PDB file of N, CA and C in Angstrom:
ATOM      1  N   MET A   1       7.521   9.650  -0.817  1.00  0.00           N
ATOM      2  CA  MET A   1       6.511  10.652  -0.643  1.00  0.00           C
ATOM      3  C   MET A   1       6.634  11.206   0.764  1.00  0.00           C
ATOM      4  N   GLU A   2       6.536  12.461   0.898  1.00  0.00           N
ATOM      5  CA  GLU A   2       6.603  13.108   2.199  1.00  0.00           C
ATOM      6  C   GLU A   2       5.221  13.150   2.815  1.00  0.00           C
ATOM      7  N   ARG A   3       5.190  12.999   4.103  1.00  0.00           N
ATOM      8  CA  ARG A   3       3.912  13.115   4.784  1.00  0.00           C
ATOM      9  C   ARG A   3       3.686  14.566   5.152  1.00  0.00           C
ATOM     10  N   LYS A   4       2.435  14.921   5.273  1.00  0.00           N
ATOM     11  CA  LYS A   4       2.083  16.272   5.709  1.00  0.00           C
ATOM     12  C   LYS A   4       1.519  16.187   7.107  1.00  0.00           C
ATOM     13  N   GLU A   5       1.684  17.256   7.838  1.00  0.00           N
ATOM     14  CA  GLU A   5       1.139  17.325   9.180  1.00  0.00           C
ATOM     15  C   GLU A   5       0.076  18.405   9.231  1.00  0.00           C
ATOM     16  N   LYS A   6      -0.878  18.186  10.139  1.00  0.00           N
ATOM     17  CA  LYS A   6      -1.887  19.210  10.388  1.00  0.00           C
ATOM     18  C   LYS A   6      -1.256  20.286  11.257  1.00  0.00           C
ATOM     19  N   LYS A   7      -1.976  21.358  11.462  1.00  0.00           N
ATOM     20  CA  LYS A   7      -1.475  22.454  12.295  1.00  0.00           C
ATOM     21  C   LYS A   7      -1.183  22.006  13.717  1.00  0.00           C
ATOM     22  N   ASP A   8      -1.922  20.981  14.185  1.00  0.00           N
ATOM     23  CA  ASP A   8      -1.698  20.490  15.552  1.00  0.00           C
ATOM     24  C   ASP A   8      -0.552  19.486  15.643  1.00  0.00           C
ATOM     25  N   GLY A   9       0.134  19.229  14.520  1.00  0.00           N
ATOM     26  CA  GLY A   9       1.289  18.331  14.517  1.00  0.00           C
ATOM     27  C   GLY A   9       0.957  16.882  14.227  1.00  0.00           C
ATOM     28  N   LYS A  10      -0.318  16.540  14.104  1.00  0.00           N
ATOM     29  CA  LYS A  10      -0.715  15.163  13.814  1.00  0.00           C
ATOM     30  C   LYS A  10      -0.559  14.880  12.323  1.00  0.00           C
ATOM     31  N   ILE A  11      -0.383  13.610  11.977  1.00  0.00           N
ATOM     32  CA  ILE A  11      -0.252  13.206  10.579  1.00  0.00           C
ATOM     33  C   ILE A  11      -1.556  13.484   9.850  1.00  0.00           C
ATOM     34  N   ASP A  12      -1.464  14.091   8.686  1.00  0.00           N
ATOM     35  CA  ASP A  12      -2.637  14.405   7.874  1.00  0.00           C
ATOM     36  C   ASP A  12      -3.049  13.157   7.096  1.00  0.00           C
ATOM     37  N   PRO A  13      -4.226  12.585   7.386  1.00  0.00           N
ATOM     38  CA  PRO A  13      -4.647  11.361   6.696  1.00  0.00           C
ATOM     39  C   PRO A  13      -4.975  11.574   5.215  1.00  0.00           C
ATOM     40  N   ASP A  14      -5.035  12.823   4.763  1.00  0.00           N
ATOM     41  CA  ASP A  14      -5.285  13.110   3.356  1.00  0.00           C
ATOM     42  C   ASP A  14      -4.013  12.972   2.521  1.00  0.00           C
ATOM     43  N   TYR A  15      -2.843  12.998   3.171  1.00  0.00           N
ATOM     44  CA  TYR A  15      -1.554  12.917   2.494  1.00  0.00           C
ATOM     45  C   TYR A  15      -0.620  12.058   3.349  1.00  0.00           C
ATOM     46  N   CYS A  16      -0.612  10.760   3.094  1.00  0.00           N
ATOM     47  CA  CYS A  16       0.277   9.909   3.877  1.00  0.00           C
ATOM     48  C   CYS A  16       0.566   8.615   3.115  1.00  0.00           C
ATOM     49  N   ARG A  17       1.466   7.850   3.668  1.00  0.00           N
ATOM     50  CA  ARG A  17       1.808   6.551   3.104  1.00  0.00           C
ATOM     51  C   ARG A  17       1.872   5.576   4.259  1.00  0.00           C
ATOM     52  N   ILE A  18       1.180   4.459   4.107  1.00  0.00           N
ATOM     53  CA  ILE A  18       1.145   3.448   5.154  1.00  0.00           C
ATOM     54  C   ILE A  18       1.671   2.146   4.557  1.00  0.00           C
ATOM     55  N   LEU A  19       2.626   1.564   5.233  1.00  0.00           N
ATOM     56  CA  LEU A  19       3.218   0.313   4.769  1.00  0.00           C
ATOM     57  C   LEU A  19       2.945  -0.759   5.819  1.00  0.00           C
ATOM     58  N   PHE A  20       2.239  -1.788   5.404  1.00  0.00           N
ATOM     59  CA  PHE A  20       1.963  -2.924   6.276  1.00  0.00           C
ATOM     60  C   PHE A  20       2.907  -4.056   5.880  1.00  0.00           C
ATOM     61  N   CYS A  21       3.621  -4.597   6.836  1.00  0.00           N
ATOM     62  CA  CYS A  21       4.482  -5.760   6.618  1.00  0.00           C
ATOM     63  C   CYS A  21       3.873  -6.883   7.445  1.00  0.00           C
ATOM     64  N   LEU A  22       3.242  -7.835   6.773  1.00  0.00           N
ATOM     65  CA  LEU A  22       2.508  -8.881   7.466  1.00  0.00           C
ATOM     66  C   LEU A  22       3.169 -10.238   7.266  1.00  0.00           C
ATOM     67  N   GLU A  23       3.116 -11.065   8.279  1.00  0.00           N
ATOM     68  CA  GLU A  23       3.549 -12.458   8.180  1.00  0.00           C
ATOM     69  C   GLU A  23       2.295 -13.286   8.423  1.00  0.00           C
ATOM     70  N   LEU A  24       1.724 -13.799   7.330  1.00  0.00           N
ATOM     71  CA  LEU A  24       0.464 -14.525   7.406  1.00  0.00           C
ATOM     72  C   LEU A  24       0.719 -16.034   7.336  1.00  0.00           C
ATOM     73  N   GLU A  25      -0.110 -16.796   8.043  1.00  0.00           N
ATOM     74  CA  GLU A  25       0.111 -18.237   8.150  1.00  0.00           C
ATOM     75  C   GLU A  25       0.175 -18.925   6.792  1.00  0.00           C
ATOM     76  N   ARG A  26      -0.776 -18.664   5.929  1.00  0.00           N
ATOM     77  CA  ARG A  26      -0.814 -19.358   4.629  1.00  0.00           C
ATOM     78  C   ARG A  26      -0.185 -18.564   3.491  1.00  0.00           C
ATOM     79  N   LEU A  27      -0.316 -17.254   3.539  1.00  0.00           N
ATOM     80  CA  LEU A  27       0.203 -16.427   2.450  1.00  0.00           C
ATOM     81  C   LEU A  27       1.641 -15.977   2.682  1.00  0.00           C
ATOM     82  N   LYS A  28       2.177 -16.260   3.856  1.00  0.00           N
ATOM     83  CA  LYS A  28       3.552 -15.922   4.240  1.00  0.00           C
ATOM     84  C   LYS A  28       3.741 -14.409   4.249  1.00  0.00           C
ATOM     85  N   GLU A  29       4.909 -13.952   3.821  1.00  0.00           N
ATOM     86  CA  GLU A  29       5.250 -12.529   3.887  1.00  0.00           C
ATOM     87  C   GLU A  29       4.455 -11.728   2.868  1.00  0.00           C
ATOM     88  N   THR A  30       3.736 -10.716   3.365  1.00  0.00           N
ATOM     89  CA  THR A  30       2.892  -9.883   2.519  1.00  0.00           C
ATOM     90  C   THR A  30       3.137  -8.419   2.867  1.00  0.00           C
ATOM     91  N   PHE A  31       3.359  -7.608   1.835  1.00  0.00           N
ATOM     92  CA  PHE A  31       3.537  -6.174   2.014  1.00  0.00           C
ATOM     93  C   PHE A  31       2.357  -5.466   1.371  1.00  0.00           C
ATOM     94  N   ILE A  32       1.808  -4.509   2.084  1.00  0.00           N
ATOM     95  CA  ILE A  32       0.730  -3.690   1.542  1.00  0.00           C
ATOM     96  C   ILE A  32       1.185  -2.241   1.644  1.00  0.00           C
ATOM     97  N   ASP A  33       1.329  -1.610   0.511  1.00  0.00           N
ATOM     98  CA  ASP A  33       1.775  -0.223   0.430  1.00  0.00           C
ATOM     99  C   ASP A  33       0.572   0.626   0.042  1.00  0.00           C
ATOM    100  N   MET A  34       0.113   1.461   0.967  1.00  0.00           N
ATOM    101  CA  MET A  34      -1.054   2.305   0.723  1.00  0.00           C
ATOM    102  C   MET A  34      -0.607   3.759   0.679  1.00  0.00           C
ATOM    103  N   GLN A  35      -0.817   4.394  -0.457  1.00  0.00           N
ATOM    104  CA  GLN A  35      -0.447   5.800  -0.617  1.00  0.00           C
ATOM    105  C   GLN A  35      -1.714   6.635  -0.722  1.00  0.00           C
ATOM    106  N   VAL A  36      -1.756   7.710   0.069  1.00  0.00           N
ATOM    107  CA  VAL A  36      -2.906   8.613   0.066  1.00  0.00           C
ATOM    108  C   VAL A  36      -2.407   9.997  -0.313  1.00  0.00           C
ATOM    109  N   GLN A  37      -2.983  10.550  -1.362  1.00  0.00           N
ATOM    110  CA  GLN A  37      -2.614  11.888  -1.785  1.00  0.00           C
ATOM    111  C   GLN A  37      -3.884  12.616  -2.192  1.00  0.00           C
ATOM    112  N   ASN A  38      -4.176  13.675  -1.461  1.00  0.00           N
ATOM    113  CA  ASN A  38      -5.376  14.478  -1.710  1.00  0.00           C
ATOM    114  C   ASN A  38      -6.638  13.609  -1.675  1.00  0.00           C
ATOM    115  N   ARG A  39      -6.692  12.687  -0.678  1.00  0.00           N
ATOM    116  CA  ARG A  39      -7.819  11.787  -0.444  1.00  0.00           C
ATOM    117  C   ARG A  39      -8.024  10.769  -1.565  1.00  0.00           C
ATOM    118  N   VAL A  40      -7.011  10.552  -2.384  1.00  0.00           N
ATOM    119  CA  VAL A  40      -7.040   9.515  -3.409  1.00  0.00           C
ATOM    120  C   VAL A  40      -6.075   8.423  -2.962  1.00  0.00           C
ATOM    121  N   ILE A  41      -6.560   7.177  -2.934  1.00  0.00           N
ATOM    122  CA  ILE A  41      -5.788   6.064  -2.392  1.00  0.00           C
ATOM    123  C   ILE A  41      -5.368   5.104  -3.493  1.00  0.00           C
ATOM    124  N   LYS A  42      -4.092   4.724  -3.431  1.00  0.00           N
ATOM    125  CA  LYS A  42      -3.548   3.690  -4.317  1.00  0.00           C
ATOM    126  C   LYS A  42      -2.952   2.612  -3.416  1.00  0.00           C
ATOM    127  N   VAL A  43      -3.312   1.353  -3.662  1.00  0.00           N
ATOM    128  CA  VAL A  43      -2.851   0.244  -2.835  1.00  0.00           C
ATOM    129  C   VAL A  43      -2.062  -0.728  -3.707  1.00  0.00           C
ATOM    130  N   THR A  44      -0.901  -1.150  -3.204  1.00  0.00           N
ATOM    131  CA  THR A  44      -0.112  -2.181  -3.864  1.00  0.00           C
ATOM    132  C   THR A  44       0.077  -3.325  -2.877  1.00  0.00           C
ATOM    133  N   VAL A  45      -0.307  -4.529  -3.297  1.00  0.00           N
ATOM    134  CA  VAL A  45      -0.159  -5.725  -2.482  1.00  0.00           C
ATOM    135  C   VAL A  45       0.967  -6.550  -3.097  1.00  0.00           C
ATOM    136  N   ILE A  46       1.998  -6.833  -2.294  1.00  0.00           N
ATOM    137  CA  ILE A  46       3.157  -7.557  -2.791  1.00  0.00           C
ATOM    138  C   ILE A  46       3.252  -8.885  -2.044  1.00  0.00           C
ATOM    139  N   ASN A  47       3.089  -9.983  -2.796  1.00  0.00           N
ATOM    140  CA  ASN A  47       3.099 -11.309  -2.211  1.00  0.00           C
ATOM    141  C   ASN A  47       3.375 -12.312  -3.323  1.00  0.00           C
ATOM    142  N   GLU A  48       4.040 -13.413  -2.994  1.00  0.00           N
ATOM    143  CA  GLU A  48       4.357 -14.404  -4.024  1.00  0.00           C
ATOM    144  C   GLU A  48       3.109 -15.074  -4.572  1.00  0.00           C
ATOM    145  N   TYR A  49       1.987 -14.993  -3.853  1.00  0.00           N
ATOM    146  CA  TYR A  49       0.712 -15.545  -4.326  1.00  0.00           C
ATOM    147  C   TYR A  49      -0.195 -14.433  -4.840  1.00  0.00           C
ATOM    148  N   SER A  50       0.377 -13.464  -5.482  1.00  0.00           N
ATOM    149  CA  SER A  50      -0.369 -12.267  -5.891  1.00  0.00           C
ATOM    150  C   SER A  50      -1.564 -12.582  -6.792  1.00  0.00           C
ATOM    151  N   LYS A  51      -1.454 -13.551  -7.657  1.00  0.00           N
ATOM    152  CA  LYS A  51      -2.569 -13.900  -8.558  1.00  0.00           C
ATOM    153  C   LYS A  51      -3.749 -14.464  -7.755  1.00  0.00           C
ATOM    154  N   THR A  52      -3.456 -15.294  -6.769  1.00  0.00           N
ATOM    155  CA  THR A  52      -4.499 -15.869  -5.922  1.00  0.00           C
ATOM    156  C   THR A  52      -5.187 -14.774  -5.112  1.00  0.00           C
ATOM    157  N   ILE A  53      -4.387 -13.877  -4.549  1.00  0.00           N
ATOM    158  CA  ILE A  53      -4.937 -12.783  -3.748  1.00  0.00           C
ATOM    159  C   ILE A  53      -5.784 -11.865  -4.627  1.00  0.00           C
ATOM    160  N   GLU A  54      -5.305 -11.584  -5.819  1.00  0.00           N
ATOM    161  CA  GLU A  54      -6.046 -10.713  -6.735  1.00  0.00           C
ATOM    162  C   GLU A  54      -7.406 -11.326  -7.079  1.00  0.00           C
ATOM    163  N   ALA A  55      -7.426 -12.618  -7.350  1.00  0.00           N
ATOM    164  CA  ALA A  55      -8.693 -13.282  -7.675  1.00  0.00           C
ATOM    165  C   ALA A  55      -9.663 -13.224  -6.502  1.00  0.00           C
ATOM    166  N   ALA A  56      -9.158 -13.445  -5.290  1.00  0.00           N
ATOM    167  CA  ALA A  56     -10.021 -13.399  -4.103  1.00  0.00           C
ATOM    168  C   ALA A  56     -10.484 -11.977  -3.806  1.00  0.00           C
ATOM    169  N   ALA A  57      -9.617 -11.009  -3.999  1.00  0.00           N
ATOM    170  CA  ALA A  57      -9.938  -9.615  -3.680  1.00  0.00           C
ATOM    171  C   ALA A  57     -10.909  -9.005  -4.675  1.00  0.00           C
ATOM    172  N   ASP A  58     -10.949  -9.532  -5.865  1.00  0.00           N
ATOM    173  CA  ASP A  58     -11.796  -8.969  -6.914  1.00  0.00           C
ATOM    174  C   ASP A  58     -13.249  -8.819  -6.453  1.00  0.00           C
ATOM    175  N   ASN A  59     -13.722  -9.759  -5.640  1.00  0.00           N
ATOM    176  CA  ASN A  59     -15.100  -9.710  -5.145  1.00  0.00           C
ATOM    177  C   ASN A  59     -15.339  -8.567  -4.173  1.00  0.00           C
ATOM    178  N   TYR A  60     -14.280  -8.020  -3.584  1.00  0.00           N
ATOM    179  CA  TYR A  60     -14.425  -7.022  -2.524  1.00  0.00           C
ATOM    180  C   TYR A  60     -14.050  -5.601  -2.953  1.00  0.00           C
ATOM    181  N   LEU A  61     -13.497  -5.420  -4.137  1.00  0.00           N
ATOM    182  CA  LEU A  61     -13.042  -4.096  -4.551  1.00  0.00           C
ATOM    183  C   LEU A  61     -14.184  -3.099  -4.711  1.00  0.00           C
ATOM    184  N   THR A  62     -15.307  -3.531  -5.207  1.00  0.00           N
ATOM    185  CA  THR A  62     -16.464  -2.639  -5.344  1.00  0.00           C
ATOM    186  C   THR A  62     -16.936  -2.175  -3.972  1.00  0.00           C
ATOM    187  N   LEU A  63     -16.971  -3.098  -3.017  1.00  0.00           N
ATOM    188  CA  LEU A  63     -17.354  -2.763  -1.647  1.00  0.00           C
ATOM    189  C   LEU A  63     -16.350  -1.796  -1.021  1.00  0.00           C
ATOM    190  N   LEU A  64     -15.072  -2.036  -1.254  1.00  0.00           N
ATOM    191  CA  LEU A  64     -14.023  -1.147  -0.742  1.00  0.00           C
ATOM    192  C   LEU A  64     -14.184   0.258  -1.304  1.00  0.00           C
ATOM    193  N   LYS A  65     -14.378   0.360  -2.620  1.00  0.00           N
ATOM    194  CA  LYS A  65     -14.570   1.673  -3.253  1.00  0.00           C
ATOM    195  C   LYS A  65     -15.776   2.400  -2.666  1.00  0.00           C
ATOM    196  N   ALA A  66     -16.868   1.685  -2.485  1.00  0.00           N
ATOM    197  CA  ALA A  66     -18.092   2.295  -1.956  1.00  0.00           C
ATOM    198  C   ALA A  66     -17.891   2.793  -0.528  1.00  0.00           C
ATOM    199  N   ASN A  67     -17.241   1.993   0.299  1.00  0.00           N
ATOM    200  CA  ASN A  67     -17.024   2.408   1.690  1.00  0.00           C
ATOM    201  C   ASN A  67     -16.029   3.557   1.796  1.00  0.00           C
ATOM    202  N   LEU A  68     -15.015   3.573   0.948  1.00  0.00           N
ATOM    203  CA  LEU A  68     -14.085   4.704   0.931  1.00  0.00           C
ATOM    204  C   LEU A  68     -14.801   5.980   0.479  1.00  0.00           C
ATOM    205  N   LYS A  69     -15.690   5.837  -0.502  1.00  0.00           N
ATOM    206  CA  LYS A  69     -16.445   6.991  -0.992  1.00  0.00           C
ATOM    207  C   LYS A  69     -17.301   7.592   0.123  1.00  0.00           C
ATOM    208  N   LYS A  70     -17.873   6.744   0.983  1.00  0.00           N
ATOM    209  CA  LYS A  70     -18.670   7.227   2.114  1.00  0.00           C
ATOM    210  C   LYS A  70     -17.829   8.091   3.056  1.00  0.00           C
ATOM    211  N   MET A  71     -16.518   7.831   3.095  1.00  0.00           N
ATOM    212  CA  MET A  71     -15.617   8.596   3.958  1.00  0.00           C
ATOM    213  C   MET A  71     -14.917   9.710   3.180  1.00  0.00           C
ATOM    214  N   ASP A  72     -15.409   9.979   1.962  1.00  0.00           N
ATOM    215  CA  ASP A  72     -14.870  11.031   1.099  1.00  0.00           C
ATOM    216  C   ASP A  72     -13.440  10.749   0.630  1.00  0.00           C
ATOM    217  N   TYR A  73     -13.133   9.462   0.398  1.00  0.00           N
ATOM    218  CA  TYR A  73     -11.871   9.046  -0.219  1.00  0.00           C
ATOM    219  C   TYR A  73     -12.198   8.375  -1.538  1.00  0.00           C
ATOM    220  N   ARG A  74     -11.226   8.333  -2.438  1.00  0.00           N
ATOM    221  CA  ARG A  74     -11.428   7.679  -3.730  1.00  0.00           C
ATOM    222  C   ARG A  74     -10.306   6.678  -3.942  1.00  0.00           C
ATOM    223  N   LEU A  75     -10.650   5.466  -4.339  1.00  0.00           N
ATOM    224  CA  LEU A  75      -9.661   4.431  -4.626  1.00  0.00           C
ATOM    225  C   LEU A  75      -9.269   4.528  -6.092  1.00  0.00           C
ATOM    226  N   SER A  76      -8.008   4.862  -6.348  1.00  0.00           N
ATOM    227  CA  SER A  76      -7.575   4.975  -7.739  1.00  0.00           C
ATOM    228  C   SER A  76      -7.190   3.623  -8.311  1.00  0.00           C
ATOM    229  N   GLY A  77      -6.786   2.701  -7.454  1.00  0.00           N
ATOM    230  CA  GLY A  77      -6.457   1.381  -7.960  1.00  0.00           C
ATOM    231  C   GLY A  77      -5.807   0.503  -6.916  1.00  0.00           C
ATOM    232  N   VAL A  78      -5.871  -0.793  -7.184  1.00  0.00           N
ATOM    233  CA  VAL A  78      -5.212  -1.786  -6.355  1.00  0.00           C
ATOM    234  C   VAL A  78      -4.366  -2.651  -7.282  1.00  0.00           C
ATOM    235  N   LEU A  79      -3.072  -2.678  -7.024  1.00  0.00           N
ATOM    236  CA  LEU A  79      -2.145  -3.472  -7.827  1.00  0.00           C
ATOM    237  C   LEU A  79      -1.694  -4.676  -7.022  1.00  0.00           C
ATOM    238  N   PHE A  80      -1.482  -5.796  -7.694  1.00  0.00           N
ATOM    239  CA  PHE A  80      -1.010  -7.013  -7.056  1.00  0.00           C
ATOM    240  C   PHE A  80       0.287  -7.414  -7.734  1.00  0.00           C
ATOM    241  N   GLU A  81       1.356  -7.494  -6.958  1.00  0.00           N
ATOM    242  CA  GLU A  81       2.671  -7.785  -7.531  1.00  0.00           C
ATOM    243  C   GLU A  81       3.300  -8.988  -6.857  1.00  0.00           C
ATOM    244  N   ASN A  82       4.075  -9.723  -7.643  1.00  0.00           N
ATOM    245  CA  ASN A  82       4.807 -10.880  -7.149  1.00  0.00           C
ATOM    246  C   ASN A  82       6.280 -10.509  -7.049  1.00  0.00           C
ATOM    247  N   PRO A  83       6.855 -10.501  -5.830  1.00  0.00           N
ATOM    248  CA  PRO A  83       8.253 -10.101  -5.685  1.00  0.00           C
ATOM    249  C   PRO A  83       9.227 -11.132  -6.219  1.00  0.00           C
ATOM    250  N   VAL A  84       8.783 -12.366  -6.432  1.00  0.00           N
ATOM    251  CA  VAL A  84       9.663 -13.439  -6.872  1.00  0.00           C
ATOM    252  C   VAL A  84       9.868 -13.425  -8.383  1.00  0.00           C
ATOM    253  N   SER A  85       9.103 -12.595  -9.080  1.00  0.00           N
ATOM    254  CA  SER A  85       9.190 -12.570 -10.530  1.00  0.00           C
ATOM    255  C   SER A  85      10.550 -12.077 -11.031  1.00  0.00           C
ATOM    256  N   LYS A  86      11.317 -11.442 -10.160  1.00  0.00           N
ATOM    257  CA  LYS A  86      12.677 -11.030 -10.508  1.00  0.00           C
ATOM    258  C   LYS A  86      13.654 -11.848  -9.693  1.00  0.00           C
ATOM    259  N   LYS A  87      14.914 -11.854 -10.099  1.00  0.00           N
ATOM    260  CA  LYS A  87      15.902 -12.709  -9.439  1.00  0.00           C
ATOM    261  C   LYS A  87      16.187 -12.324  -7.995  1.00  0.00           C
ATOM    262  N   ASN A  88      16.052 -11.037  -7.646  1.00  0.00           N
ATOM    263  CA  ASN A  88      16.367 -10.599  -6.294  1.00  0.00           C
ATOM    264  C   ASN A  88      15.131 -10.008  -5.628  1.00  0.00           C
ATOM    265  N   THR A  89      14.571 -10.723  -4.659  1.00  0.00           N
ATOM    266  CA  THR A  89      13.344 -10.293  -3.984  1.00  0.00           C
ATOM    267  C   THR A  89      13.514  -8.935  -3.327  1.00  0.00           C
ATOM    268  N   ASP A  90      14.624  -8.722  -2.625  1.00  0.00           N
ATOM    269  CA  ASP A  90      14.831  -7.457  -1.928  1.00  0.00           C
ATOM    270  C   ASP A  90      14.833  -6.281  -2.890  1.00  0.00           C
ATOM    271  N   THR A  91      15.457  -6.445  -4.039  1.00  0.00           N
ATOM    272  CA  THR A  91      15.497  -5.384  -5.047  1.00  0.00           C
ATOM    273  C   THR A  91      14.093  -5.099  -5.563  1.00  0.00           C
ATOM    274  N   LYS A  92      13.323  -6.140  -5.817  1.00  0.00           N
ATOM    275  CA  LYS A  92      11.953  -5.976  -6.310  1.00  0.00           C
ATOM    276  C   LYS A  92      11.097  -5.245  -5.280  1.00  0.00           C
ATOM    277  N   LEU A  93      11.208  -5.650  -4.013  1.00  0.00           N
ATOM    278  CA  LEU A  93      10.420  -4.992  -2.974  1.00  0.00           C
ATOM    279  C   LEU A  93      10.810  -3.534  -2.839  1.00  0.00           C
ATOM    280  N   LYS A  94      12.102  -3.268  -2.847  1.00  0.00           N
ATOM    281  CA  LYS A  94      12.563  -1.881  -2.714  1.00  0.00           C
ATOM    282  C   LYS A  94      12.059  -1.038  -3.875  1.00  0.00           C
ATOM    283  N   SER A  95      12.151  -1.548  -5.096  1.00  0.00           N
ATOM    284  CA  SER A  95      11.707  -0.757  -6.243  1.00  0.00           C
ATOM    285  C   SER A  95      10.192  -0.611  -6.253  1.00  0.00           C
ATOM    286  N   ALA A  96       9.483  -1.621  -5.769  1.00  0.00           N
ATOM    287  CA  ALA A  96       8.023  -1.530  -5.732  1.00  0.00           C
ATOM    288  C   ALA A  96       7.552  -0.541  -4.678  1.00  0.00           C
ATOM    289  N   LEU A  97       8.237  -0.501  -3.553  1.00  0.00           N
ATOM    290  CA  LEU A  97       7.798   0.353  -2.460  1.00  0.00           C
ATOM    291  C   LEU A  97       8.308   1.779  -2.567  1.00  0.00           C
ATOM    292  N   PHE A  98       9.501   1.958  -3.110  1.00  0.00           N
ATOM    293  CA  PHE A  98      10.093   3.289  -3.180  1.00  0.00           C
ATOM    294  C   PHE A  98      10.704   3.478  -4.560  1.00  0.00           C
ATOM    295  N   SER A  99      10.043   4.256  -5.394  1.00  0.00           N
ATOM    296  CA  SER A  99      10.579   4.490  -6.730  1.00  0.00           C
ATOM    297  C   SER A  99      11.853   5.316  -6.622  1.00  0.00           C
ATOM    298  N   GLU A 100      12.642   5.291  -7.682  1.00  0.00           N
ATOM    299  CA  GLU A 100      13.916   6.012  -7.681  1.00  0.00           C
ATOM    300  C   GLU A 100      13.727   7.512  -7.509  1.00  0.00           C
ATOM    301  N   LYS A 101      12.573   8.034  -7.907  1.00  0.00           N
ATOM    302  CA  LYS A 101      12.330   9.467  -7.803  1.00  0.00           C
ATOM    303  C   LYS A 101      12.003   9.881  -6.372  1.00  0.00           C
ATOM    304  N   GLU A 102      11.573   8.911  -5.574  1.00  0.00           N
ATOM    305  CA  GLU A 102      11.173   9.226  -4.211  1.00  0.00           C
ATOM    306  C   GLU A 102      12.286   8.855  -3.246  1.00  0.00           C
ATOM    307  N   SER A 103      12.378   9.591  -2.181  1.00  0.00           N
ATOM    308  CA  SER A 103      13.295   9.202  -1.119  1.00  0.00           C
ATOM    309  C   SER A 103      12.528   9.269   0.181  1.00  0.00           C
ATOM    310  N   TYR A 104      12.801   8.319   1.043  1.00  0.00           N
ATOM    311  CA  TYR A 104      12.086   8.263   2.300  1.00  0.00           C
ATOM    312  C   TYR A 104      13.000   7.636   3.328  1.00  0.00           C
ATOM    313  N   SER A 105      12.997   8.165   4.495  1.00  0.00           N
ATOM    314  CA  SER A 105      13.779   7.569   5.551  1.00  0.00           C
ATOM    315  C   SER A 105      13.021   7.662   6.849  1.00  0.00           C
ATOM    316  N   GLY A 106      13.138   6.645   7.651  1.00  0.00           N
ATOM    317  CA  GLY A 106      12.492   6.646   8.955  1.00  0.00           C
ATOM    318  C   GLY A 106      11.077   6.143   8.914  1.00  0.00           C
ATOM    319  N   VAL A 107      10.554   5.935  10.089  1.00  0.00           N
ATOM    320  CA  VAL A 107       9.195   5.459  10.258  1.00  0.00           C
ATOM    321  C   VAL A 107       8.497   6.416  11.212  1.00  0.00           C
ATOM    322  N   ASP A 108       7.306   6.846  10.856  1.00  0.00           N
ATOM    323  CA  ASP A 108       6.564   7.773  11.696  1.00  0.00           C
ATOM    324  C   ASP A 108       5.941   7.046  12.887  1.00  0.00           C
ATOM    325  N   ILE A 109       5.305   5.930  12.602  1.00  0.00           N
ATOM    326  CA  ILE A 109       4.651   5.136  13.636  1.00  0.00           C
ATOM    327  C   ILE A 109       4.905   3.671  13.342  1.00  0.00           C
ATOM    328  N   ARG A 110       5.296   2.917  14.356  1.00  0.00           N
ATOM    329  CA  ARG A 110       5.512   1.496  14.165  1.00  0.00           C
ATOM    330  C   ARG A 110       4.667   0.748  15.181  1.00  0.00           C
ATOM    331  N   ILE A 111       3.898  -0.230  14.691  1.00  0.00           N
ATOM    332  CA  ILE A 111       3.027  -1.001  15.576  1.00  0.00           C
ATOM    333  C   ILE A 111       3.525  -2.437  15.632  1.00  0.00           C
TER     334      ILE A 111
END
């Protein structure tokens, strides 16, 4: 997905993609892919403990939707995926984060 810029050159938060690569003490490597298009947000959480995370997150999704709505955003869904379910983790992560129809190169901001 391509990002859009405002007239002042800043990234448009209504059309962007944010990828978080986290190394957590107990959950280990976790990827969060957040796509925003026309103020509609789709989140994919990729972790080998995806079922555990999904069960824990279930209590907070209503709160997340409500708070996003206050900021005039809409949550279309949150998906939880396990990268180990296929034989090659790297292939699973790549296909989960970047579909074959999309092409993306580079990083806009790295923290």
